[in-house]
PDB file of N, CA and C in Angstrom:
ATOM      1  N   UNK A   1     -20.704  16.010  14.834  1.00  0.00           N
ATOM      2  CA  UNK A   1     -20.244  15.375  13.620  1.00  0.00           C
ATOM      3  C   UNK A   1     -21.379  14.555  13.026  1.00  0.00           C
ATOM      4  N   UNK A   2     -21.548  14.588  11.731  1.00  0.00           N
ATOM      5  CA  UNK A   2     -22.633  13.853  11.089  1.00  0.00           C
ATOM      6  C   UNK A   2     -22.280  12.377  10.961  1.00  0.00           C
ATOM      7  N   UNK A   3     -23.298  11.565  10.734  1.00  0.00           N
ATOM      8  CA  UNK A   3     -23.101  10.120  10.622  1.00  0.00           C
ATOM      9  C   UNK A   3     -22.206   9.775   9.442  1.00  0.00           C
ATOM     10  N   UNK A   4     -22.380  10.455   8.306  1.00  0.00           N
ATOM     11  CA  UNK A   4     -21.563  10.138   7.135  1.00  0.00           C
ATOM     12  C   UNK A   4     -20.103  10.492   7.378  1.00  0.00           C
ATOM     13  N   UNK A   5     -19.852  11.565   8.125  1.00  0.00           N
ATOM     14  CA  UNK A   5     -18.480  11.937   8.437  1.00  0.00           C
ATOM     15  C   UNK A   5     -17.852  10.901   9.354  1.00  0.00           C
ATOM     16  N   UNK A   6     -18.609  10.420  10.348  1.00  0.00           N
ATOM     17  CA  UNK A   6     -18.105   9.377  11.233  1.00  0.00           C
ATOM     18  C   UNK A   6     -17.759   8.126  10.433  1.00  0.00           C
ATOM     19  N   UNK A   7     -18.609   7.787   9.480  1.00  0.00           N
ATOM     20  CA  UNK A   7     -18.379   6.616   8.644  1.00  0.00           C
ATOM     21  C   UNK A   7     -17.127   6.811   7.797  1.00  0.00           C
ATOM     22  N   UNK A   8     -16.929   8.008   7.236  1.00  0.00           N
ATOM     23  CA  UNK A   8     -15.763   8.287   6.410  1.00  0.00           C
ATOM     24  C   UNK A   8     -14.472   8.151   7.212  1.00  0.00           C
ATOM     25  N   UNK A   9     -14.505   8.569   8.483  1.00  0.00           N
ATOM     26  CA  UNK A   9     -13.319   8.520   9.322  1.00  0.00           C
ATOM     27  C   UNK A   9     -12.948   7.084   9.660  1.00  0.00           C
ATOM     28  N   UNK A  10     -13.931   6.229   9.942  1.00  0.00           N
ATOM     29  CA  UNK A  10     -13.655   4.865  10.362  1.00  0.00           C
ATOM     30  C   UNK A  10     -13.489   3.908   9.190  1.00  0.00           C
ATOM     31  N   UNK A  11     -13.945   4.273   8.013  1.00  0.00           N
ATOM     32  CA  UNK A  11     -13.849   3.404   6.842  1.00  0.00           C
ATOM     33  C   UNK A  11     -12.398   3.338   6.352  1.00  0.00           C
ATOM     34  N   UNK A  12     -11.944   2.146   6.090  1.00  0.00           N
ATOM     35  CA  UNK A  12     -10.593   1.953   5.568  1.00  0.00           C
ATOM     36  C   UNK A  12     -10.561   2.382   4.102  1.00  0.00           C
ATOM     37  N   UNK A  13      -9.587   3.190   3.746  1.00  0.00           N
ATOM     38  CA  UNK A  13      -9.477   3.658   2.363  1.00  0.00           C
ATOM     39  C   UNK A  13      -8.817   2.596   1.494  1.00  0.00           C
ATOM     40  N   UNK A  14      -9.307   2.479   0.274  1.00  0.00           N
ATOM     41  CA  UNK A  14      -8.630   1.575  -0.647  1.00  0.00           C
ATOM     42  C   UNK A  14      -7.644   2.387  -1.487  1.00  0.00           C
ATOM     43  N   UNK A  15      -6.911   1.694  -2.310  1.00  0.00           N
ATOM     44  CA  UNK A  15      -5.848   2.323  -3.117  1.00  0.00           C
ATOM     45  C   UNK A  15      -6.386   3.461  -3.989  1.00  0.00           C
ATOM     46  N   UNK A  16      -7.570   3.271  -4.565  1.00  0.00           N
ATOM     47  CA  UNK A  16      -8.137   4.295  -5.445  1.00  0.00           C
ATOM     48  C   UNK A  16      -8.516   5.560  -4.666  1.00  0.00           C
ATOM     49  N   UNK A  17      -9.029   5.398  -3.450  1.00  0.00           N
ATOM     50  CA  UNK A  17      -9.339   6.559  -2.606  1.00  0.00           C
ATOM     51  C   UNK A  17      -8.072   7.363  -2.331  1.00  0.00           C
ATOM     52  N   UNK A  18      -6.996   6.653  -2.030  1.00  0.00           N
ATOM     53  CA  UNK A  18      -5.720   7.314  -1.724  1.00  0.00           C
ATOM     54  C   UNK A  18      -5.176   8.024  -2.958  1.00  0.00           C
ATOM     55  N   UNK A  19      -5.219   7.358  -4.099  1.00  0.00           N
ATOM     56  CA  UNK A  19      -4.742   7.978  -5.339  1.00  0.00           C
ATOM     57  C   UNK A  19      -5.527   9.254  -5.648  1.00  0.00           C
ATOM     58  N   UNK A  20      -6.847   9.180  -5.514  1.00  0.00           N
ATOM     59  CA  UNK A  20      -7.686  10.354  -5.781  1.00  0.00           C
ATOM     60  C   UNK A  20      -7.360  11.495  -4.820  1.00  0.00           C
ATOM     61  N   UNK A  21      -7.132  11.185  -3.560  1.00  0.00           N
ATOM     62  CA  UNK A  21      -6.800  12.215  -2.574  1.00  0.00           C
ATOM     63  C   UNK A  21      -5.463  12.887  -2.895  1.00  0.00           C
ATOM     64  N   UNK A  22      -4.481  12.099  -3.301  1.00  0.00           N
ATOM     65  CA  UNK A  22      -3.182  12.659  -3.699  1.00  0.00           C
ATOM     66  C   UNK A  22      -3.368  13.585  -4.896  1.00  0.00           C
ATOM     67  N   UNK A  23      -4.101  13.120  -5.895  1.00  0.00           N
ATOM     68  CA  UNK A  23      -4.299  13.919  -7.113  1.00  0.00           C
ATOM     69  C   UNK A  23      -5.076  15.200  -6.835  1.00  0.00           C
ATOM     70  N   UNK A  24      -6.086  15.144  -5.971  1.00  0.00           N
ATOM     71  CA  UNK A  24      -6.853  16.344  -5.611  1.00  0.00           C
ATOM     72  C   UNK A  24      -5.957  17.350  -4.896  1.00  0.00           C
ATOM     73  N   UNK A  25      -5.109  16.864  -4.027  1.00  0.00           N
ATOM     74  CA  UNK A  25      -4.217  17.737  -3.266  1.00  0.00           C
ATOM     75  C   UNK A  25      -3.223  18.444  -4.180  1.00  0.00           C
ATOM     76  N   UNK A  26      -2.810  17.787  -5.243  1.00  0.00           N
ATOM     77  CA  UNK A  26      -1.765  18.325  -6.121  1.00  0.00           C
ATOM     78  C   UNK A  26      -2.303  19.075  -7.337  1.00  0.00           C
ATOM     79  N   UNK A  27      -3.578  19.371  -7.390  1.00  0.00           N
ATOM     80  CA  UNK A  27      -4.143  20.018  -8.583  1.00  0.00           C
ATOM     81  C   UNK A  27      -3.434  21.330  -8.923  1.00  0.00           C
ATOM     82  N   UNK A  28      -3.172  22.162  -7.944  1.00  0.00           N
ATOM     83  CA  UNK A  28      -2.510  23.445  -8.212  1.00  0.00           C
ATOM     84  C   UNK A  28      -0.991  23.349  -8.112  1.00  0.00           C
ATOM     85  N   UNK A  29      -0.498  22.180  -7.735  1.00  0.00           N
ATOM     86  CA  UNK A  29       0.935  21.988  -7.552  1.00  0.00           C
ATOM     87  C   UNK A  29       1.293  22.195  -6.085  1.00  0.00           C
ATOM     88  N   UNK A  30       1.984  21.244  -5.516  1.00  0.00           N
ATOM     89  CA  UNK A  30       2.358  21.351  -4.111  1.00  0.00           C
ATOM     90  C   UNK A  30       3.562  20.470  -3.808  1.00  0.00           C
ATOM     91  N   UNK A  31       4.140  20.692  -2.648  1.00  0.00           N
ATOM     92  CA  UNK A  31       5.311  19.926  -2.231  1.00  0.00           C
ATOM     93  C   UNK A  31       4.881  18.601  -1.599  1.00  0.00           C
ATOM     94  N   UNK A  32       5.828  17.696  -1.545  1.00  0.00           N
ATOM     95  CA  UNK A  32       5.609  16.348  -1.032  1.00  0.00           C
ATOM     96  C   UNK A  32       5.006  16.346   0.380  1.00  0.00           C
ATOM     97  N   UNK A  33       5.536  17.189   1.249  1.00  0.00           N
ATOM     98  CA  UNK A  33       5.077  17.224   2.641  1.00  0.00           C
ATOM     99  C   UNK A  33       3.605  17.582   2.742  1.00  0.00           C
ATOM    100  N   UNK A  34       3.164  18.545   1.925  1.00  0.00           N
ATOM    101  CA  UNK A  34       1.752  18.948   1.953  1.00  0.00           C
ATOM    102  C   UNK A  34       0.850  17.786   1.504  1.00  0.00           C
ATOM    103  N   UNK A  35       1.282  17.082   0.473  1.00  0.00           N
ATOM    104  CA  UNK A  35       0.513  15.923  -0.001  1.00  0.00           C
ATOM    105  C   UNK A  35       0.426  14.877   1.105  1.00  0.00           C
ATOM    106  N   UNK A  36       1.557  14.633   1.768  1.00  0.00           N
ATOM    107  CA  UNK A  36       1.612  13.629   2.823  1.00  0.00           C
ATOM    108  C   UNK A  36       0.610  13.948   3.940  1.00  0.00           C
ATOM    109  N   UNK A  37       0.586  15.191   4.403  1.00  0.00           N
ATOM    110  CA  UNK A  37      -0.323  15.559   5.486  1.00  0.00           C
ATOM    111  C   UNK A  37      -1.780  15.609   5.045  1.00  0.00           C
ATOM    112  N   UNK A  38      -2.039  16.182   3.887  1.00  0.00           N
ATOM    113  CA  UNK A  38      -3.410  16.324   3.400  1.00  0.00           C
ATOM    114  C   UNK A  38      -4.040  14.956   3.098  1.00  0.00           C
ATOM    115  N   UNK A  39      -3.251  14.046   2.532  1.00  0.00           N
ATOM    116  CA  UNK A  39      -3.752  12.714   2.186  1.00  0.00           C
ATOM    117  C   UNK A  39      -3.638  11.732   3.357  1.00  0.00           C
ATOM    118  N   UNK A  40      -3.100  12.205   4.470  1.00  0.00           N
ATOM    119  CA  UNK A  40      -2.951  11.379   5.682  1.00  0.00           C
ATOM    120  C   UNK A  40      -2.162  10.100   5.400  1.00  0.00           C
ATOM    121  N   UNK A  41      -0.972  10.294   4.837  1.00  0.00           N
ATOM    122  CA  UNK A  41      -0.099   9.173   4.506  1.00  0.00           C
ATOM    123  C   UNK A  41       1.211   9.282   5.269  1.00  0.00           C
ATOM    124  N   UNK A  42       1.837   8.151   5.509  1.00  0.00           N
ATOM    125  CA  UNK A  42       3.181   8.150   6.087  1.00  0.00           C
ATOM    126  C   UNK A  42       4.163   8.494   4.964  1.00  0.00           C
ATOM    127  N   UNK A  43       5.381   8.800   5.359  1.00  0.00           N
ATOM    128  CA  UNK A  43       6.424   9.106   4.380  1.00  0.00           C
ATOM    129  C   UNK A  43       6.658   7.892   3.469  1.00  0.00           C
ATOM    130  N   UNK A  44       6.678   6.706   4.054  1.00  0.00           N
ATOM    131  CA  UNK A  44       6.892   5.477   3.278  1.00  0.00           C
ATOM    132  C   UNK A  44       5.751   5.245   2.281  1.00  0.00           C
ATOM    133  N   UNK A  45       4.511   5.457   2.730  1.00  0.00           N
ATOM    134  CA  UNK A  45       3.366   5.284   1.830  1.00  0.00           C
ATOM    135  C   UNK A  45       3.434   6.276   0.674  1.00  0.00           C
ATOM    136  N   UNK A  46       3.742   7.520   0.990  1.00  0.00           N
ATOM    137  CA  UNK A  46       3.821   8.551  -0.040  1.00  0.00           C
ATOM    138  C   UNK A  46       4.869   8.185  -1.085  1.00  0.00           C
ATOM    139  N   UNK A  47       6.021   7.698  -0.614  1.00  0.00           N
ATOM    140  CA  UNK A  47       7.089   7.308  -1.541  1.00  0.00           C
ATOM    141  C   UNK A  47       6.750   6.063  -2.346  1.00  0.00           C
ATOM    142  N   UNK A  48       5.727   5.339  -1.936  1.00  0.00           N
ATOM    143  CA  UNK A  48       5.240   4.200  -2.713  1.00  0.00           C
ATOM    144  C   UNK A  48       4.325   4.690  -3.842  1.00  0.00           C
ATOM    145  N   UNK A  49       3.484   5.691  -3.564  1.00  0.00           N
ATOM    146  CA  UNK A  49       2.485   6.166  -4.520  1.00  0.00           C
ATOM    147  C   UNK A  49       3.028   7.172  -5.540  1.00  0.00           C
ATOM    148  N   UNK A  50       3.820   8.143  -5.107  1.00  0.00           N
ATOM    149  CA  UNK A  50       4.242   9.226  -6.002  1.00  0.00           C
ATOM    150  C   UNK A  50       4.982   8.751  -7.255  1.00  0.00           C
ATOM    151  N   UNK A  51       5.997   7.899  -7.140  1.00  0.00           N
ATOM    152  CA  UNK A  51       6.698   7.473  -8.368  1.00  0.00           C
ATOM    153  C   UNK A  51       5.761   6.818  -9.385  1.00  0.00           C
ATOM    154  N   UNK A  52       4.827   6.022  -8.906  1.00  0.00           N
ATOM    155  CA  UNK A  52       3.878   5.358  -9.799  1.00  0.00           C
ATOM    156  C   UNK A  52       2.973   6.372 -10.500  1.00  0.00           C
ATOM    157  N   UNK A  53       2.498   7.366  -9.750  1.00  0.00           N
ATOM    158  CA  UNK A  53       1.638   8.399 -10.335  1.00  0.00           C
ATOM    159  C   UNK A  53       2.390   9.230 -11.375  1.00  0.00           C
ATOM    160  N   UNK A  54       3.658   9.532 -11.109  1.00  0.00           N
ATOM    161  CA  UNK A  54       4.477  10.293 -12.064  1.00  0.00           C
ATOM    162  C   UNK A  54       4.759   9.436 -13.294  1.00  0.00           C
ATOM    163  N   UNK A  55       5.189   8.199 -13.075  1.00  0.00           N
ATOM    164  CA  UNK A  55       5.542   7.292 -14.180  1.00  0.00           C
ATOM    165  C   UNK A  55       4.357   7.039 -15.104  1.00  0.00           C
ATOM    166  N   UNK A  56       3.145   6.989 -14.556  1.00  0.00           N
ATOM    167  CA  UNK A  56       1.957   6.701 -15.359  1.00  0.00           C
ATOM    168  C   UNK A  56       1.262   7.957 -15.879  1.00  0.00           C
ATOM    169  N   UNK A  57       1.851   9.129 -15.648  1.00  0.00           N
ATOM    170  CA  UNK A  57       1.356  10.361 -16.237  1.00  0.00           C
ATOM    171  C   UNK A  57       0.202  11.035 -15.506  1.00  0.00           C
ATOM    172  N   UNK A  58      -0.055  10.655 -14.259  1.00  0.00           N
ATOM    173  CA  UNK A  58      -1.127  11.287 -13.483  1.00  0.00           C
ATOM    174  C   UNK A  58      -0.633  12.530 -12.735  1.00  0.00           C
ATOM    175  N   UNK A  59       0.656  12.554 -12.426  1.00  0.00           N
ATOM    176  CA  UNK A  59       1.291  13.699 -11.772  1.00  0.00           C
ATOM    177  C   UNK A  59       2.518  14.082 -12.577  1.00  0.00           C
ATOM    178  N   UNK A  60       2.847  15.370 -12.556  1.00  0.00           N
ATOM    179  CA  UNK A  60       4.132  15.781 -13.119  1.00  0.00           C
ATOM    180  C   UNK A  60       5.007  16.289 -11.987  1.00  0.00           C
ATOM    181  N   UNK A  61       6.264  15.981 -12.099  1.00  0.00           N
ATOM    182  CA  UNK A  61       7.269  16.326 -11.105  1.00  0.00           C
ATOM    183  C   UNK A  61       8.030  17.535 -11.640  1.00  0.00           C
ATOM    184  N   UNK A  62       7.886  18.675 -10.970  1.00  0.00           N
ATOM    185  CA  UNK A  62       8.525  19.898 -11.432  1.00  0.00           C
ATOM    186  C   UNK A  62       9.550  20.366 -10.414  1.00  0.00           C
ATOM    187  N   UNK A  63      10.661  20.869 -10.907  1.00  0.00           N
ATOM    188  CA  UNK A  63      11.679  21.455 -10.038  1.00  0.00           C
ATOM    189  C   UNK A  63      11.607  22.970 -10.227  1.00  0.00           C
ATOM    190  N   UNK A  64      11.426  23.711  -9.138  1.00  0.00           N
ATOM    191  CA  UNK A  64      11.377  25.169  -9.203  1.00  0.00           C
ATOM    192  C   UNK A  64      12.312  25.737  -8.147  1.00  0.00           C
ATOM    193  N   UNK A  65      12.654  27.014  -8.304  1.00  0.00           N
ATOM    194  CA  UNK A  65      13.434  27.691  -7.276  1.00  0.00           C
ATOM    195  C   UNK A  65      12.501  28.597  -6.486  1.00  0.00           C
ATOM    196  N   UNK A  66      12.508  28.394  -5.190  1.00  0.00           N
ATOM    197  CA  UNK A  66      11.685  29.193  -4.294  1.00  0.00           C
ATOM    198  C   UNK A  66      12.626  29.785  -3.256  1.00  0.00           C
ATOM    199  N   UNK A  67      12.711  31.104  -3.227  1.00  0.00           N
ATOM    200  CA  UNK A  67      13.641  31.813  -2.350  1.00  0.00           C
ATOM    201  C   UNK A  67      15.064  31.297  -2.539  1.00  0.00           C
ATOM    202  N   UNK A  68      15.452  31.172  -3.803  1.00  0.00           N
ATOM    203  CA  UNK A  68      16.786  30.745  -4.230  1.00  0.00           C
ATOM    204  C   UNK A  68      17.142  29.306  -3.854  1.00  0.00           C
ATOM    205  N   UNK A  69      16.135  28.543  -3.407  1.00  0.00           N
ATOM    206  CA  UNK A  69      16.369  27.130  -3.084  1.00  0.00           C
ATOM    207  C   UNK A  69      15.527  26.263  -4.013  1.00  0.00           C
ATOM    208  N   UNK A  70      16.096  25.158  -4.491  1.00  0.00           N
ATOM    209  CA  UNK A  70      15.309  24.271  -5.364  1.00  0.00           C
ATOM    210  C   UNK A  70      14.221  23.550  -4.569  1.00  0.00           C
ATOM    211  N   UNK A  71      13.044  23.486  -5.153  1.00  0.00           N
ATOM    212  CA  UNK A  71      11.907  22.787  -4.548  1.00  0.00           C
ATOM    213  C   UNK A  71      11.344  21.811  -5.566  1.00  0.00           C
ATOM    214  N   UNK A  72      10.884  20.682  -5.086  1.00  0.00           N
ATOM    215  CA  UNK A  72      10.238  19.690  -5.942  1.00  0.00           C
ATOM    216  C   UNK A  72       8.733  19.835  -5.744  1.00  0.00           C
ATOM    217  N   UNK A  73       8.042  20.124  -6.835  1.00  0.00           N
ATOM    218  CA  UNK A  73       6.599  20.334  -6.821  1.00  0.00           C
ATOM    219  C   UNK A  73       5.939  19.217  -7.625  1.00  0.00           C
ATOM    220  N   UNK A  74       4.828  18.731  -7.110  1.00  0.00           N
ATOM    221  CA  UNK A  74       4.036  17.738  -7.831  1.00  0.00           C
ATOM    222  C   UNK A  74       2.721  18.380  -8.231  1.00  0.00           C
ATOM    223  N   UNK A  75       2.361  18.217  -9.512  1.00  0.00           N
ATOM    224  CA  UNK A  75       1.149  18.841 -10.047  1.00  0.00           C
ATOM    225  C   UNK A  75       0.355  17.801 -10.830  1.00  0.00           C
ATOM    226  N   UNK A  76      -0.950  17.782 -10.599  1.00  0.00           N
ATOM    227  CA  UNK A  76      -1.839  16.844 -11.284  1.00  0.00           C
ATOM    228  C   UNK A  76      -1.936  17.202 -12.766  1.00  0.00           C
ATOM    229  N   UNK A  77      -1.788  16.212 -13.614  1.00  0.00           N
ATOM    230  CA  UNK A  77      -1.885  16.407 -15.063  1.00  0.00           C
ATOM    231  C   UNK A  77      -3.358  16.309 -15.504  1.00  0.00           C
ATOM    232  N   UNK A  78      -3.602  16.536 -16.776  1.00  0.00           N
ATOM    233  CA  UNK A  78      -4.958  16.379 -17.331  1.00  0.00           C
ATOM    234  C   UNK A  78      -5.433  14.941 -17.163  1.00  0.00           C
ATOM    235  N   UNK A  79      -4.525  14.007 -17.334  1.00  0.00           N
ATOM    236  CA  UNK A  79      -4.868  12.597 -17.148  1.00  0.00           C
ATOM    237  C   UNK A  79      -5.274  12.348 -15.690  1.00  0.00           C
ATOM    238  N   UNK A  80      -4.581  12.983 -14.755  1.00  0.00           N
ATOM    239  CA  UNK A  80      -4.916  12.861 -13.342  1.00  0.00           C
ATOM    240  C   UNK A  80      -6.272  13.464 -13.021  1.00  0.00           C
ATOM    241  N   UNK A  81      -6.573  14.598 -13.627  1.00  0.00           N
ATOM    242  CA  UNK A  81      -7.879  15.248 -13.427  1.00  0.00           C
ATOM    243  C   UNK A  81      -8.988  14.361 -13.990  1.00  0.00           C
ATOM    244  N   UNK A  82      -8.724  13.733 -15.127  1.00  0.00           N
ATOM    245  CA  UNK A  82      -9.698  12.806 -15.711  1.00  0.00           C
ATOM    246  C   UNK A  82      -9.935  11.625 -14.765  1.00  0.00           C
ATOM    247  N   UNK A  83      -8.868  11.131 -14.125  1.00  0.00           N
ATOM    248  CA  UNK A  83      -9.007  10.044 -13.153  1.00  0.00           C
ATOM    249  C   UNK A  83      -9.894  10.470 -11.986  1.00  0.00           C
ATOM    250  N   UNK A  84      -9.669  11.676 -11.453  1.00  0.00           N
ATOM    251  CA  UNK A  84     -10.464  12.176 -10.326  1.00  0.00           C
ATOM    252  C   UNK A  84     -11.942  12.220 -10.703  1.00  0.00           C
ATOM    253  N   UNK A  85     -12.232  12.799 -11.860  1.00  0.00           N
ATOM    254  CA  UNK A  85     -13.631  12.912 -12.308  1.00  0.00           C
ATOM    255  C   UNK A  85     -14.263  11.536 -12.501  1.00  0.00           C
ATOM    256  N   UNK A  86     -13.544  10.630 -13.128  1.00  0.00           N
ATOM    257  CA  UNK A  86     -14.066   9.274 -13.360  1.00  0.00           C
ATOM    258  C   UNK A  86     -14.273   8.542 -12.036  1.00  0.00           C
ATOM    259  N   UNK A  87     -13.337   8.698 -11.121  1.00  0.00           N
ATOM    260  CA  UNK A  87     -13.435   8.039  -9.818  1.00  0.00           C
ATOM    261  C   UNK A  87     -14.632   8.569  -9.034  1.00  0.00           C
ATOM    262  N   UNK A  88     -14.834   9.890  -9.039  1.00  0.00           N
ATOM    263  CA  UNK A  88     -15.969  10.484  -8.329  1.00  0.00           C
ATOM    264  C   UNK A  88     -17.294  10.020  -8.948  1.00  0.00           C
ATOM    265  N   UNK A  89     -17.344   9.919 -10.266  1.00  0.00           N
ATOM    266  CA  UNK A  89     -18.548   9.429 -10.945  1.00  0.00           C
ATOM    267  C   UNK A  89     -18.822   7.980 -10.544  1.00  0.00           C
ATOM    268  N   UNK A  90     -17.789   7.155 -10.572  1.00  0.00           N
ATOM    269  CA  UNK A  90     -17.940   5.752 -10.204  1.00  0.00           C
ATOM    270  C   UNK A  90     -18.407   5.623  -8.747  1.00  0.00           C
ATOM    271  N   UNK A  91     -17.844   6.411  -7.854  1.00  0.00           N
ATOM    272  CA  UNK A  91     -18.254   6.357  -6.451  1.00  0.00           C
ATOM    273  C   UNK A  91     -19.716   6.751  -6.281  1.00  0.00           C
ATOM    274  N   UNK A  92     -20.148   7.769  -7.022  1.00  0.00           N
ATOM    275  CA  UNK A  92     -21.543   8.205  -6.903  1.00  0.00           C
ATOM    276  C   UNK A  92     -22.497   7.155  -7.469  1.00  0.00           C
ATOM    277  N   UNK A  93     -22.083   6.436  -8.502  1.00  0.00           N
ATOM    278  CA  UNK A  93     -22.912   5.374  -9.066  1.00  0.00           C
ATOM    279  C   UNK A  93     -22.969   4.164  -8.140  1.00  0.00           C
ATOM    280  N   UNK A  94     -21.905   3.906  -7.427  1.00  0.00           N
ATOM    281  CA  UNK A  94     -21.830   2.767  -6.533  1.00  0.00           C
ATOM    282  C   UNK A  94     -22.671   2.981  -5.284  1.00  0.00           C
ATOM    283  N   UNK A  95     -22.752   4.225  -4.816  1.00  0.00           N
ATOM    284  CA  UNK A  95     -23.505   4.541  -3.601  1.00  0.00           C
ATOM    285  C   UNK A  95     -24.993   4.396  -3.869  1.00  0.00           C
ATOM    286  N   UNK A  96     -25.713   3.786  -2.927  1.00  0.00           N
ATOM    287  CA  UNK A  96     -27.166   3.655  -3.114  1.00  0.00           C
ATOM    288  C   UNK A  96     -27.825   5.032  -3.049  1.00  0.00           C
ATOM    289  N   UNK A  97     -28.828   5.248  -3.890  1.00  0.00           N
ATOM    290  CA  UNK A  97     -29.520   6.538  -3.898  1.00  0.00           C
ATOM    291  C   UNK A  97     -30.486   6.654  -2.740  1.00  0.00           C
ATOM    292  N   UNK A  98     -31.067   5.535  -2.313  1.00  0.00           N
ATOM    293  CA  UNK A  98     -31.980   5.540  -1.175  1.00  0.00           C
ATOM    294  C   UNK A  98     -31.493   4.496  -0.184  1.00  0.00           C
ATOM    295  N   UNK A  99     -30.876   4.950   0.866  1.00  0.00           N
ATOM    296  CA  UNK A  99     -30.330   4.032   1.847  1.00  0.00           C
ATOM    297  C   UNK A  99     -31.165   4.040   3.118  1.00  0.00           C
ATOM    298  N   UNK A 100     -32.497   4.231   2.982  1.00  0.00           N
ATOM    299  CA  UNK A 100     -33.365   4.290   4.154  1.00  0.00           C
ATOM    300  C   UNK A 100     -33.441   2.951   4.874  1.00  0.00           C
ATOM    301  N   UNK A 101     -33.175   1.861   4.167  1.00  0.00           N
ATOM    302  CA  UNK A 101     -33.222   0.540   4.801  1.00  0.00           C
ATOM    303  C   UNK A 101     -31.997   0.292   5.668  1.00  0.00           C
ATOM    304  N   UNK A 102     -30.933   1.067   5.432  1.00  0.00           N
ATOM    305  CA  UNK A 102     -29.707   0.885   6.193  1.00  0.00           C
ATOM    306  C   UNK A 102     -28.841  -0.256   5.686  1.00  0.00           C
ATOM    307  N   UNK A 103     -29.269  -0.947   4.612  1.00  0.00           N
ATOM    308  CA  UNK A 103     -28.514  -2.070   4.075  1.00  0.00           C
ATOM    309  C   UNK A 103     -27.508  -1.574   3.046  1.00  0.00           C
ATOM    310  N   UNK A 104     -26.384  -2.248   2.990  1.00  0.00           N
ATOM    311  CA  UNK A 104     -25.367  -1.949   2.005  1.00  0.00           C
ATOM    312  C   UNK A 104     -25.689  -2.667   0.703  1.00  0.00           C
ATOM    313  N   UNK A 105     -25.292  -2.102  -0.453  1.00  0.00           N
ATOM    314  CA  UNK A 105     -25.550  -2.785  -1.720  1.00  0.00           C
ATOM    315  C   UNK A 105     -24.769  -4.098  -1.792  1.00  0.00           C
ATOM    316  N   UNK A 106     -25.364  -5.094  -2.426  1.00  0.00           N
ATOM    317  CA  UNK A 106     -24.772  -6.410  -2.655  1.00  0.00           C
ATOM    318  C   UNK A 106     -24.405  -7.127  -1.364  1.00  0.00           C
ATOM    319  N   UNK A 107     -25.156  -6.888  -0.319  1.00  0.00           N
ATOM    320  CA  UNK A 107     -24.920  -7.548   0.959  1.00  0.00           C
ATOM    321  C   UNK A 107     -25.417  -8.979   0.863  1.00  0.00           C
ATOM    322  N   UNK A 108     -24.543  -9.966   1.069  1.00  0.00           N
ATOM    323  CA  UNK A 108     -24.913 -11.374   0.956  1.00  0.00           C
ATOM    324  C   UNK A 108     -25.946 -11.764   2.027  1.00  0.00           C
ATOM    325  N   UNK A 109     -26.003 -11.039   3.127  1.00  0.00           N
ATOM    326  CA  UNK A 109     -26.910 -11.354   4.224  1.00  0.00           C
ATOM    327  C   UNK A 109     -28.277 -10.706   4.073  1.00  0.00           C
ATOM    328  N   UNK A 110     -28.544 -10.030   2.963  1.00  0.00           N
ATOM    329  CA  UNK A 110     -29.834  -9.347   2.773  1.00  0.00           C
ATOM    330  C   UNK A 110     -30.947 -10.332   2.539  1.00  0.00           C
TER     331      UNK A 110
END
């Protein structure tokens, strides 16, 4: 495993990381359970995020019939895709381009 992957695993995700992961997972449309597992969220956490994303227009909630049974599908909207792109841009700008010193940006102890 690479060092950056180890860091990603141990780093605590903030709300924006979680929102972006949910939106990326739902780009083609998917069920709640798939979002929960892919975004590594508990059922309670997922139920905290999804209504807010739908209400604010980042996800659309669709009801479809699959094998004659109703299914609830969540799909990322254009606004959600714009959020993902903006978030990825912001993350890339925040990351130092040359981290050979091993110091984090804006470290008070530098």
